[in-house]
C-alpha atoms as a PDB file:
ATOM      1  CA  MET A   1      29.851  21.605  33.380  1.00  0.00           C
ATOM      2  CA  LYS A   2      27.560  24.508  31.969  1.00  0.00           C
ATOM      3  CA  LYS A   3      25.283  23.085  29.274  1.00  0.00           C
ATOM      4  CA  SER A   4      24.743  24.714  26.381  1.00  0.00           C
ATOM      5  CA  ARG A   5      21.562  24.132  23.631  1.00  0.00           C
ATOM      6  CA  PHE A   6      22.028  24.405  19.401  1.00  0.00           C
ATOM      7  CA  SER A   7      20.437  24.030  16.929  1.00  0.00           C
ATOM      8  CA  VAL A   8      20.800  21.119  14.002  1.00  0.00           C
ATOM      9  CA  PRO A   9      21.271  22.662  10.899  1.00  0.00           C
ATOM     10  CA  HIS A  10      18.706  22.865   8.196  1.00  0.00           C
ATOM     11  CA  PRO A  11      19.701  24.399   4.772  1.00  0.00           C
ATOM     12  CA  ILE A  12      17.415  22.756   2.352  1.00  0.00           C
ATOM     13  CA  PRO A  13      13.260  23.343   3.626  1.00  0.00           C
ATOM     14  CA  TYR A  14      11.174  20.344   2.000  1.00  0.00           C
ATOM     15  CA  GLN A  15       7.998  19.837   3.169  1.00  0.00           C
ATOM     16  CA  GLY A  16       7.679  16.327   5.316  1.00  0.00           C
ATOM     17  CA  SER A  17      11.173  17.075   6.630  1.00  0.00           C
ATOM     18  CA  LYS A  18      11.985  14.693   9.657  1.00  0.00           C
ATOM     19  CA  ARG A  19      13.351  17.280  11.345  1.00  0.00           C
ATOM     20  CA  ARG A  20      10.870  17.513  14.536  1.00  0.00           C
ATOM     21  CA  LEU A  21      10.825  13.384  14.457  1.00  0.00           C
ATOM     22  CA  ALA A  22      14.743  12.979  14.341  1.00  0.00           C
ATOM     23  CA  THR A  23      15.235  12.041  18.202  1.00  0.00           C
ATOM     24  CA  ALA A  24      12.818   9.504  17.980  1.00  0.00           C
ATOM     25  CA  ILE A  25      14.106   8.250  15.114  1.00  0.00           C
ATOM     26  CA  LEU A  26      17.720   8.038  15.993  1.00  0.00           C
ATOM     27  CA  SER A  27      16.651   6.708  19.164  1.00  0.00           C
ATOM     28  CA  HIS A  28      16.415   2.990  17.659  1.00  0.00           C
ATOM     29  CA  VAL A  29      19.982   3.417  16.638  1.00  0.00           C
ATOM     30  CA  PRO A  30      21.958   1.329  19.079  1.00  0.00           C
ATOM     31  CA  PRO A  31      24.960   3.246  19.956  1.00  0.00           C
ATOM     32  CA  ASN A  32      28.323   2.362  19.362  1.00  0.00           C
ATOM     33  CA  GLN A  33      27.255  -0.633  16.627  1.00  0.00           C
ATOM     34  CA  TYR A  34      26.877   0.816  13.091  1.00  0.00           C
ATOM     35  CA  GLY A  35      29.898   2.607  11.060  1.00  0.00           C
ATOM     36  CA  ARG A  36      27.457   4.571   8.497  1.00  0.00           C
ATOM     37  CA  LEU A  37      24.171   5.496   7.898  1.00  0.00           C
ATOM     38  CA  ILE A  38      22.422   5.694   4.384  1.00  0.00           C
ATOM     39  CA  GLU A  39      18.991   7.495   3.727  1.00  0.00           C
ATOM     40  CA  PRO A  40      18.009   6.844  -0.267  1.00  0.00           C
ATOM     41  CA  PHE A  41      15.394   9.550   0.276  1.00  0.00           C
ATOM     42  CA  GLY A  42      17.573  12.248   0.554  1.00  0.00           C
ATOM     43  CA  GLY A  43      15.088  15.459   0.915  1.00  0.00           C
ATOM     44  CA  SER A  44      16.220  17.664   3.832  1.00  0.00           C
ATOM     45  CA  SER A  45      18.599  14.803   4.895  1.00  0.00           C
ATOM     46  CA  ALA A  46      17.356  16.454   8.536  1.00  0.00           C
ATOM     47  CA  VAL A  47      17.733  12.699  10.023  1.00  0.00           C
ATOM     48  CA  THR A  48      21.147  12.308   8.661  1.00  0.00           C
ATOM     49  CA  LEU A  49      22.217  16.173   9.861  1.00  0.00           C
ATOM     50  CA  ALA A  50      20.659  14.681  13.059  1.00  0.00           C
ATOM     51  CA  ALA A  51      22.554  11.992  13.100  1.00  0.00           C
ATOM     52  CA  ALA A  52      26.248  13.648  12.281  1.00  0.00           C
ATOM     53  CA  TYR A  53      25.606  16.609  14.655  1.00  0.00           C
ATOM     54  CA  GLN A  54      25.779  13.576  17.490  1.00  0.00           C
ATOM     55  CA  LYS A  55      28.142  12.378  15.759  1.00  0.00           C
ATOM     56  CA  THR A  56      26.227   8.599  15.777  1.00  0.00           C
ATOM     57  CA  PHE A  57      27.848   7.096  12.655  1.00  0.00           C
ATOM     58  CA  ARG A  58      31.535   7.269  11.271  1.00  0.00           C
ATOM     59  CA  ALA A  59      30.030   7.981   7.658  1.00  0.00           C
ATOM     60  CA  TYR A  60      27.231   8.782   5.781  1.00  0.00           C
ATOM     61  CA  ILE A  61      25.199   8.707   2.197  1.00  0.00           C
ATOM     62  CA  VAL A  62      22.571  10.693   0.914  1.00  0.00           C
ATOM     63  CA  GLY A  63      20.437   9.367  -1.934  1.00  0.00           C
ATOM     64  CA  ASP A  64      17.510  10.895  -3.651  1.00  0.00           C
ATOM     65  CA  ALA A  65      16.182  10.251  -7.585  1.00  0.00           C
ATOM     66  CA  LEU A  66      15.831  14.000  -8.001  1.00  0.00           C
ATOM     67  CA  GLU A  67      19.631  14.595  -9.204  1.00  0.00           C
ATOM     68  CA  PRO A  68      19.497  18.928  -8.957  1.00  0.00           C
ATOM     69  CA  LEU A  69      19.294  17.810  -5.336  1.00  0.00           C
ATOM     70  CA  ILE A  70      21.938  15.372  -5.098  1.00  0.00           C
ATOM     71  CA  GLN A  71      24.146  17.776  -6.822  1.00  0.00           C
ATOM     72  CA  LEU A  72      23.096  20.901  -4.543  1.00  0.00           C
ATOM     73  CA  TRP A  73      23.912  18.030  -0.899  1.00  0.00           C
ATOM     74  CA  GLN A  74      27.484  17.882  -3.073  1.00  0.00           C
ATOM     75  CA  MET A  75      28.265  21.216  -2.942  1.00  0.00           C
ATOM     76  CA  ILE A  76      26.823  21.895   0.513  1.00  0.00           C
ATOM     77  CA  ILE A  77      29.323  18.709   1.025  1.00  0.00           C
ATOM     78  CA  ASP A  78      32.574  20.224  -0.327  1.00  0.00           C
ATOM     79  CA  ASP A  79      32.079  23.662  -0.813  1.00  0.00           C
ATOM     80  CA  PRO A  80      28.777  25.586   0.257  1.00  0.00           C
ATOM     81  CA  GLY A  81      30.581  29.275  -0.714  1.00  0.00           C
ATOM     82  CA  PRO A  82      29.116  29.595  -3.957  1.00  0.00           C
ATOM     83  CA  VAL A  83      25.631  27.999  -3.543  1.00  0.00           C
ATOM     84  CA  ALA A  84      25.552  30.948  -0.545  1.00  0.00           C
ATOM     85  CA  ARG A  85      26.642  33.373  -2.957  1.00  0.00           C
ATOM     86  CA  GLN A  86      24.262  32.643  -5.566  1.00  0.00           C
ATOM     87  CA  TYR A  87      21.562  32.114  -3.055  1.00  0.00           C
ATOM     88  CA  GLU A  88      21.593  35.879  -2.467  1.00  0.00           C
ATOM     89  CA  THR A  89      21.984  36.945  -5.722  1.00  0.00           C
ATOM     90  CA  LEU A  90      18.602  35.582  -6.477  1.00  0.00           C
ATOM     91  CA  TRP A  91      17.335  36.070  -3.304  1.00  0.00           C
ATOM     92  CA  GLN A  92      18.010  39.726  -4.286  1.00  0.00           C
ATOM     93  CA  ARG A  93      17.179  39.767  -8.156  1.00  0.00           C
ATOM     94  CA  GLU A  94      13.234  38.911  -6.489  1.00  0.00           C
ATOM     95  CA  ARG A  95      13.304  42.463  -4.386  1.00  0.00           C
ATOM     96  CA  ALA A  96      11.507  44.349  -7.352  1.00  0.00           C
ATOM     97  CA  SER A  97       9.038  42.162  -8.639  1.00  0.00           C
ATOM     98  CA  PRO A  98       9.185  39.166  -6.641  1.00  0.00           C
ATOM     99  CA  ILE A  99       6.436  37.325  -8.226  1.00  0.00           C
ATOM    100  CA  GLN A 100       7.561  37.382 -11.352  1.00  0.00           C
ATOM    101  CA  ALA A 101      10.936  36.664 -10.909  1.00  0.00           C
ATOM    102  CA  TYR A 102      10.384  33.552  -9.506  1.00  0.00           C
ATOM    103  CA  TYR A 103       8.382  32.392 -12.125  1.00  0.00           C
ATOM    104  CA  GLU A 104      11.202  33.399 -14.382  1.00  0.00           C
ATOM    105  CA  ILE A 105      13.272  32.095 -12.000  1.00  0.00           C
ATOM    106  CA  ARG A 106      11.646  28.302 -12.203  1.00  0.00           C
ATOM    107  CA  SER A 107      10.913  28.335 -15.926  1.00  0.00           C
ATOM    108  CA  GLU A 108      15.381  28.496 -15.932  1.00  0.00           C
ATOM    109  CA  PHE A 109      15.493  25.812 -13.278  1.00  0.00           C
ATOM    110  CA  ASN A 110      13.424  23.604 -15.751  1.00  0.00           C
ATOM    111  CA  LEU A 111      15.868  23.989 -19.105  1.00  0.00           C
ATOM    112  CA  ASP A 112      19.441  24.692 -16.913  1.00  0.00           C
ATOM    113  CA  ARG A 113      18.480  22.350 -13.358  1.00  0.00           C
ATOM    114  CA  ASP A 114      21.071  24.890 -11.562  1.00  0.00           C
ATOM    115  CA  PRO A 115      20.970  23.313  -7.632  1.00  0.00           C
ATOM    116  CA  ALA A 116      21.428  26.375  -6.236  1.00  0.00           C
ATOM    117  CA  LYS A 117      17.507  27.832  -8.056  1.00  0.00           C
ATOM    118  CA  LEU A 118      16.562  24.594  -7.266  1.00  0.00           C
ATOM    119  CA  LEU A 119      17.316  25.665  -3.542  1.00  0.00           C
ATOM    120  CA  TYR A 120      15.533  29.539  -3.940  1.00  0.00           C
ATOM    121  CA  LEU A 121      12.835  27.909  -5.199  1.00  0.00           C
ATOM    122  CA  LEU A 122      11.951  25.139  -2.521  1.00  0.00           C
ATOM    123  CA  ALA A 123      12.892  28.203  -0.116  1.00  0.00           C
ATOM    124  CA  ARG A 124      10.399  30.460  -1.715  1.00  0.00           C
ATOM    125  CA  CYS A 125       7.829  28.614  -2.883  1.00  0.00           C
ATOM    126  CA  VAL A 126       4.146  27.496  -1.020  1.00  0.00           C
ATOM    127  CA  LYS A 127       4.793  25.457   2.400  1.00  0.00           C
ATOM    128  CA  ASN A 128       8.457  24.298   0.948  1.00  0.00           C
ATOM    129  CA  ALA A 129       6.620  21.867  -0.738  1.00  0.00           C
ATOM    130  CA  VAL A 130       8.067  20.321  -3.575  1.00  0.00           C
ATOM    131  CA  ARG A 131       5.479  19.201  -7.181  1.00  0.00           C
ATOM    132  CA  PHE A 132       6.137  18.158 -10.696  1.00  0.00           C
ATOM    133  CA  ASN A 133       4.105  17.907 -13.716  1.00  0.00           C
ATOM    134  CA  PRO A 134       4.577  14.721 -15.608  1.00  0.00           C
ATOM    135  CA  ALA A 135       6.926  15.769 -17.558  1.00  0.00           C
ATOM    136  CA  GLY A 136       9.535  16.030 -14.847  1.00  0.00           C
ATOM    137  CA  GLU A 137       9.199  20.274 -14.413  1.00  0.00           C
ATOM    138  CA  PHE A 138       9.041  21.872 -11.322  1.00  0.00           C
ATOM    139  CA  ASN A 139       5.577  23.670 -11.252  1.00  0.00           C
ATOM    140  CA  GLN A 140       5.037  24.902  -7.303  1.00  0.00           C
ATOM    141  CA  SER A 141       3.868  27.842  -6.587  1.00  0.00           C
ATOM    142  CA  PRO A 142       5.569  31.410  -5.438  1.00  0.00           C
ATOM    143  CA  ASP A 143       4.209  31.800  -1.928  1.00  0.00           C
ATOM    144  CA  LYS A 144       2.922  35.122  -1.359  1.00  0.00           C
ATOM    145  CA  ARG A 145       3.054  35.092   2.713  1.00  0.00           C
ATOM    146  CA  ARG A 146       7.042  35.296   2.818  1.00  0.00           C
ATOM    147  CA  THR A 147       9.924  36.072   1.314  1.00  0.00           C
ATOM    148  CA  GLY A 148      11.714  32.531   1.760  1.00  0.00           C
ATOM    149  CA  THR A 149      14.872  32.154   3.721  1.00  0.00           C
ATOM    150  CA  LYS A 150      17.245  35.149   3.999  1.00  0.00           C
ATOM    151  CA  PRO A 151      20.522  34.639   2.564  1.00  0.00           C
ATOM    152  CA  LYS A 152      22.299  35.753   5.982  1.00  0.00           C
ATOM    153  CA  THR A 153      19.863  32.567   7.469  1.00  0.00           C
ATOM    154  CA  MET A 154      21.087  30.072   4.695  1.00  0.00           C
ATOM    155  CA  ARG A 155      24.343  31.042   4.791  1.00  0.00           C
ATOM    156  CA  ALA A 156      24.813  29.618   8.800  1.00  0.00           C
ATOM    157  CA  GLU A 157      22.119  26.586   7.678  1.00  0.00           C
ATOM    158  CA  LEU A 158      25.052  26.201   4.795  1.00  0.00           C
ATOM    159  CA  PHE A 159      27.604  26.386   6.340  1.00  0.00           C
ATOM    160  CA  GLY A 160      26.594  24.633   9.083  1.00  0.00           C
ATOM    161  CA  ALA A 161      25.765  21.762   7.670  1.00  0.00           C
ATOM    162  CA  HIS A 162      29.567  21.658   6.123  1.00  0.00           C
ATOM    163  CA  ARG A 163      30.595  21.674   8.904  1.00  0.00           C
ATOM    164  CA  ILE A 164      29.685  18.277  10.020  1.00  0.00           C
ATOM    165  CA  LEU A 165      29.392  16.469   6.881  1.00  0.00           C
ATOM    166  CA  ALA A 166      32.352  17.132   4.914  1.00  0.00           C
ATOM    167  CA  GLY A 167      34.722  14.478   4.478  1.00  0.00           C
ATOM    168  CA  LYS A 168      31.991  12.438   6.549  1.00  0.00           C
ATOM    169  CA  CYS A 169      29.210  12.146   3.279  1.00  0.00           C
ATOM    170  CA  ARG A 170      28.963  11.983  -0.241  1.00  0.00           C
ATOM    171  CA  ALA A 171      25.215  12.239  -2.085  1.00  0.00           C
ATOM    172  CA  MET A 172      24.886   9.302  -4.549  1.00  0.00           C
ATOM    173  CA  HIS A 173      21.733  10.165  -7.674  1.00  0.00           C
ATOM    174  CA  ALA A 174      20.999   6.664  -7.298  1.00  0.00           C
ATOM    175  CA  ASP A 175      17.723   4.673  -7.306  1.00  0.00           C
ATOM    176  CA  PHE A 176      16.685   3.313  -3.506  1.00  0.00           C
ATOM    177  CA  LEU A 177      16.935  -0.773  -4.789  1.00  0.00           C
ATOM    178  CA  THR A 178      20.876  -0.128  -6.165  1.00  0.00           C
ATOM    179  CA  LEU A 179      21.861   1.703  -2.619  1.00  0.00           C
ATOM    180  CA  PHE A 180      20.344  -1.449  -1.178  1.00  0.00           C
ATOM    181  CA  SER A 181      22.000  -3.772  -3.308  1.00  0.00           C
ATOM    182  CA  GLN A 182      25.895  -1.837  -2.656  1.00  0.00           C
ATOM    183  CA  ALA A 183      24.624  -2.245   1.241  1.00  0.00           C
ATOM    184  CA  GLN A 184      27.510  -3.679   3.320  1.00  0.00           C
ATOM    185  CA  GLU A 185      27.856  -5.500   7.900  1.00  0.00           C
ATOM    186  CA  GLY A 186      27.924  -2.384   9.603  1.00  0.00           C
ATOM    187  CA  ASP A 187      25.666  -0.132   7.272  1.00  0.00           C
ATOM    188  CA  PHE A 188      22.433   1.032   8.706  1.00  0.00           C
ATOM    189  CA  PHE A 189      19.559   2.740   6.967  1.00  0.00           C
ATOM    190  CA  TYR A 190      16.964   5.621   7.346  1.00  0.00           C
ATOM    191  CA  LEU A 191      14.060   5.344   4.302  1.00  0.00           C
ATOM    192  CA  ASP A 192      12.218   8.077   4.232  1.00  0.00           C
ATOM    193  CA  PRO A 193       9.872   7.249   0.746  1.00  0.00           C
ATOM    194  CA  PRO A 194       6.926   9.260  -0.541  1.00  0.00           C
ATOM    195  CA  TYR A 195       3.956   8.050   1.597  1.00  0.00           C
ATOM    196  CA  GLN A 196       1.385   5.609  -0.501  1.00  0.00           C
ATOM    197  CA  GLY A 197      -1.078   8.221  -2.488  1.00  0.00           C
ATOM    198  CA  THR A 198       1.093  11.461  -2.780  1.00  0.00           C
ATOM    199  CA  SER A 199       3.175  10.488  -5.755  1.00  0.00           C
ATOM    200  CA  GLY A 200       0.496  10.502  -8.220  1.00  0.00           C
ATOM    201  CA  GLY A 201      -1.821  12.297 -10.251  1.00  0.00           C
ATOM    202  CA  ARG A 202      -1.292  15.901 -12.407  1.00  0.00           C
ATOM    203  CA  ASP A 203       0.877  17.509  -9.810  1.00  0.00           C
ATOM    204  CA  ARG A 204       3.668  14.606  -8.391  1.00  0.00           C
ATOM    205  CA  ARG A 205       5.516  15.918  -4.573  1.00  0.00           C
ATOM    206  CA  TYR A 206       8.157  13.589  -5.627  1.00  0.00           C
ATOM    207  CA  ILE A 207       9.646  13.156  -9.021  1.00  0.00           C
ATOM    208  CA  ALA A 208      10.044   9.544  -8.716  1.00  0.00           C
ATOM    209  CA  GLY A 209       7.045   7.720  -6.761  1.00  0.00           C
ATOM    210  CA  VAL A 210       7.345   4.352  -4.607  1.00  0.00           C
ATOM    211  CA  ILE A 211       5.750   1.783  -5.994  1.00  0.00           C
ATOM    212  CA  ARG A 212       4.045   0.074  -2.283  1.00  0.00           C
ATOM    213  CA  ASP A 213       5.032  -3.875  -3.885  1.00  0.00           C
ATOM    214  CA  ARG A 214       8.713  -2.558  -5.013  1.00  0.00           C
ATOM    215  CA  MET A 215       9.696  -1.091  -0.883  1.00  0.00           C
ATOM    216  CA  ILE A 216       8.690  -4.649   0.437  1.00  0.00           C
ATOM    217  CA  GLU A 217      10.715  -6.128  -2.109  1.00  0.00           C
ATOM    218  CA  GLY A 218      13.963  -3.819  -1.576  1.00  0.00           C
ATOM    219  CA  LEU A 219      13.255  -4.758   2.491  1.00  0.00           C
ATOM    220  CA  SER A 220      13.295  -7.727   2.173  1.00  0.00           C
ATOM    221  CA  MET A 221      16.195  -8.038   0.518  1.00  0.00           C
ATOM    222  CA  LEU A 222      18.176  -6.005   3.833  1.00  0.00           C
ATOM    223  CA  ASN A 223      16.620  -8.063   5.998  1.00  0.00           C
ATOM    224  CA  GLU A 224      18.017 -10.696   3.502  1.00  0.00           C
ATOM    225  CA  LYS A 225      21.372  -9.493   3.794  1.00  0.00           C
ATOM    226  CA  ARG A 226      20.672  -8.805   7.835  1.00  0.00           C
ATOM    227  CA  ILE A 227      20.976  -4.648   7.588  1.00  0.00           C
ATOM    228  CA  PRO A 228      18.739  -3.147   9.590  1.00  0.00           C
ATOM    229  CA  PHE A 229      16.390   0.059   9.023  1.00  0.00           C
ATOM    230  CA  VAL A 230      13.841   2.211  10.665  1.00  0.00           C
ATOM    231  CA  LEU A 231      11.287   3.538   7.922  1.00  0.00           C
ATOM    232  CA  SER A 232       8.781   6.331   7.952  1.00  0.00           C
ATOM    233  CA  TYR A 233       6.218   5.146   5.095  1.00  0.00           C
ATOM    234  CA  ASP A 234       2.588   5.829   6.389  1.00  0.00           C
ATOM    235  CA  GLY A 235       0.232   7.938   8.024  1.00  0.00           C
ATOM    236  CA  SER A 236      -2.684   9.830   9.439  1.00  0.00           C
ATOM    237  CA  CYS A 237      -4.170  12.628   9.869  1.00  0.00           C
ATOM    238  CA  GLY A 238      -7.565  13.140  11.257  1.00  0.00           C
ATOM    239  CA  GLU A 239      -9.661  11.007   9.466  1.00  0.00           C
ATOM    240  CA  THR A 240      -7.341  11.046   6.442  1.00  0.00           C
ATOM    241  CA  ASP A 241      -4.858   7.295   5.907  1.00  0.00           C
ATOM    242  CA  TYR A 242      -1.602   7.636   3.760  1.00  0.00           C
ATOM    243  CA  GLY A 243      -1.056   4.487   3.100  1.00  0.00           C
ATOM    244  CA  GLU A 244      -1.429   0.808   3.418  1.00  0.00           C
ATOM    245  CA  PRO A 245       0.802  -0.818   6.624  1.00  0.00           C
ATOM    246  CA  LEU A 246       2.967  -2.844   5.662  1.00  0.00           C
ATOM    247  CA  PRO A 247       3.508  -6.476   7.195  1.00  0.00           C
ATOM    248  CA  GLU A 248       4.633  -7.500   9.848  1.00  0.00           C
ATOM    249  CA  THR A 249       7.079  -9.562   8.704  1.00  0.00           C
ATOM    250  CA  VAL A 250       8.407  -6.896   6.882  1.00  0.00           C
ATOM    251  CA  ALA A 251       8.874  -4.397  10.067  1.00  0.00           C
ATOM    252  CA  ARG A 252       7.600  -3.553  13.873  1.00  0.00           C
ATOM    253  CA  ARG A 253       5.420  -0.466  13.486  1.00  0.00           C
ATOM    254  CA  ILE A 254       5.290   2.053  15.974  1.00  0.00           C
ATOM    255  CA  LEU A 255       3.013   4.897  15.841  1.00  0.00           C
ATOM    256  CA  LEU A 256       4.246   8.090  17.066  1.00  0.00           C
ATOM    257  CA  ASP A 257       2.067  11.025  17.558  1.00  0.00           C
ATOM    258  CA  VAL A 258       2.987  13.980  16.017  1.00  0.00           C
ATOM    259  CA  GLY A 259       0.661  16.651  17.072  1.00  0.00           C
ATOM    260  CA  ARG A 260      -1.743  18.765  15.519  1.00  0.00           C
ATOM    261  CA  SER A 261      -1.413  19.129  11.516  1.00  0.00           C
ATOM    262  CA  SER A 262      -0.402  22.933  10.956  1.00  0.00           C
ATOM    263  CA  GLN A 263      -2.813  22.455   8.014  1.00  0.00           C
ATOM    264  CA  ALA A 264      -5.567  21.780   9.500  1.00  0.00           C
ATOM    265  CA  THR A 265      -4.582  24.646  11.980  1.00  0.00           C
ATOM    266  CA  LEU A 266      -5.451  27.107   9.866  1.00  0.00           C
ATOM    267  CA  ASN A 267      -8.634  25.429   8.598  1.00  0.00           C
ATOM    268  CA  GLY A 268      -9.513  26.095  12.044  1.00  0.00           C
ATOM    269  CA  ARG A 269      -9.963  22.219  12.799  1.00  0.00           C
ATOM    270  CA  ASP A 270      -8.046  20.092  15.071  1.00  0.00           C
ATOM    271  CA  ASP A 271      -6.792  16.688  13.278  1.00  0.00           C
ATOM    272  CA  VAL A 272      -4.014  14.619  14.664  1.00  0.00           C
ATOM    273  CA  THR A 273      -1.065  14.016  12.482  1.00  0.00           C
ATOM    274  CA  VAL A 274       0.087  10.424  13.300  1.00  0.00           C
ATOM    275  CA  GLU A 275       3.554   8.928  11.376  1.00  0.00           C
ATOM    276  CA  SER A 276       4.014   5.550  10.840  1.00  0.00           C
ATOM    277  CA  LEU A 277       7.482   4.355  12.352  1.00  0.00           C
ATOM    278  CA  TYR A 278       8.518   0.724  11.329  1.00  0.00           C
ATOM    279  CA  VAL A 279      12.344  -0.547  12.704  1.00  0.00           C
ATOM    280  CA  SER A 280      13.541  -3.641  11.015  1.00  0.00           C
ATOM    281  CA  HIS A 281      13.158  -6.733  13.410  1.00  0.00           C
ATOM    282  CA  LEU A 282      17.375  -7.106  13.291  1.00  0.00           C
ATOM    283  CA  LEU A 283      17.030  -4.272  16.380  1.00  0.00           C
ATOM    284  CA  PRO A 284      16.125  -4.621  20.102  1.00  0.00           C
ATOM    285  CA  VAL A 285      12.829  -4.287  21.024  1.00  0.00           C
ATOM    286  CA  SER A 286      12.443  -1.314  22.382  1.00  0.00           C
ATOM    287  CA  GLU A 287      11.182  -0.794  26.158  1.00  0.00           C
ATOM    288  CA  LYS A 288       8.447   2.051  24.419  1.00  0.00           C
ATOM    289  CA  PRO A 289       4.584   1.618  23.738  1.00  0.00           C
ATOM    290  CA  LYS A 290       3.944   1.078  20.956  1.00  0.00           C
ATOM    291  CA  SER A 291       2.158   4.481  20.801  1.00  0.00           C
ATOM    292  CA  LEU A 292       4.382   7.622  21.575  1.00  0.00           C
ATOM    293  CA  SER A 293       3.805  11.192  21.154  1.00  0.00           C
ATOM    294  CA  LEU A 294       6.777  13.607  20.795  1.00  0.00           C
ATOM    295  CA  ARG A 295       6.379  14.109  24.534  1.00  0.00           C
ATOM    296  CA  ASP A 296       7.742  11.073  25.428  1.00  0.00           C
ATOM    297  CA  PHE A 297      11.571  12.531  23.899  1.00  0.00           C
ATOM    298  CA  ALA A 298      12.714  14.860  26.475  1.00  0.00           C
ATOM    299  CA  MET A 299      15.311  16.729  24.261  1.00  0.00           C
ATOM    300  CA  ALA A 300      13.743  19.248  21.759  1.00  0.00           C
ATOM    301  CA  PRO A 301      13.525  16.525  18.567  1.00  0.00           C
ATOM    302  CA  ASN A 302      15.747  19.686  16.154  1.00  0.00           C
ATOM    303  CA  GLN A 303      18.203  20.221  18.706  1.00  0.00           C
ATOM    304  CA  ALA A 304      21.202  18.666  20.445  1.00  0.00           C
ATOM    305  CA  ILE A 305      22.521  19.395  23.748  1.00  0.00           C
ATOM    306  CA  LEU A 306      26.318  19.643  24.273  1.00  0.00           C
ATOM    307  CA  PHE A 307      28.556  19.773  27.539  1.00  0.00           C
ATOM    308  CA  VAL A 308      31.051  22.382  27.757  1.00  0.00           C
END
């Protein structure tokens, strides 16, 4: 039997994407026990894509507070062709005057909230990092060092995501507590909300922040309903901490060493990024240590292994 390796599709570039951590996160899902994965803070939906590729669940829900993002995901699920064509038109539009075209498209998006324009902006902006001003307008600058994902590559990623999600997934514009309240037996949640300290100020990283007390309230709701979850919520980079740890009564905390920070590398530092995973007490206790590294997972985190 020959072993071949294929990359999991990843059409929506998003700073903070859990693409590299997907295997580590899904390692906490007991096989053949849960029917539906719900990801209320969709973003790039990297964990949903990895799980769908590996056929870990029968059904999926991607949620988010950013409505154009949810519209984009639904278009990918239903028919990615129009999105791929619109993206190519926008990408070609900036060839003559890249910076000017970017700002024009950004202004247009802030008026019409076109999902294809959001995809272009995410692929083209600095560090793929979404930013919104207090009025809810996208205000991130263009990355002057690169041109974003090429149309041919984007088309392949869009159609790749469509193939593994079509007929199994739906996108919902909803608050995470709404999705918690609708949870049913057999559901499993993966949660990747904005980290504390990244949602306020003049330029917010997310369209809507999450107050820590609301998150604890929501997780308590899931615990009462006996719905399991894995949560990414705080972490550190070098000497900088992002968020206060959640109470141990809510979930078990596992520290995951994800390696040297790319930003630190650019700045000539050796800062290491550590992500926290909070694992529901409803899930079996792993024999793995409470502090892990991506090196503990033999399979590349953004890949699945198939035998053909």
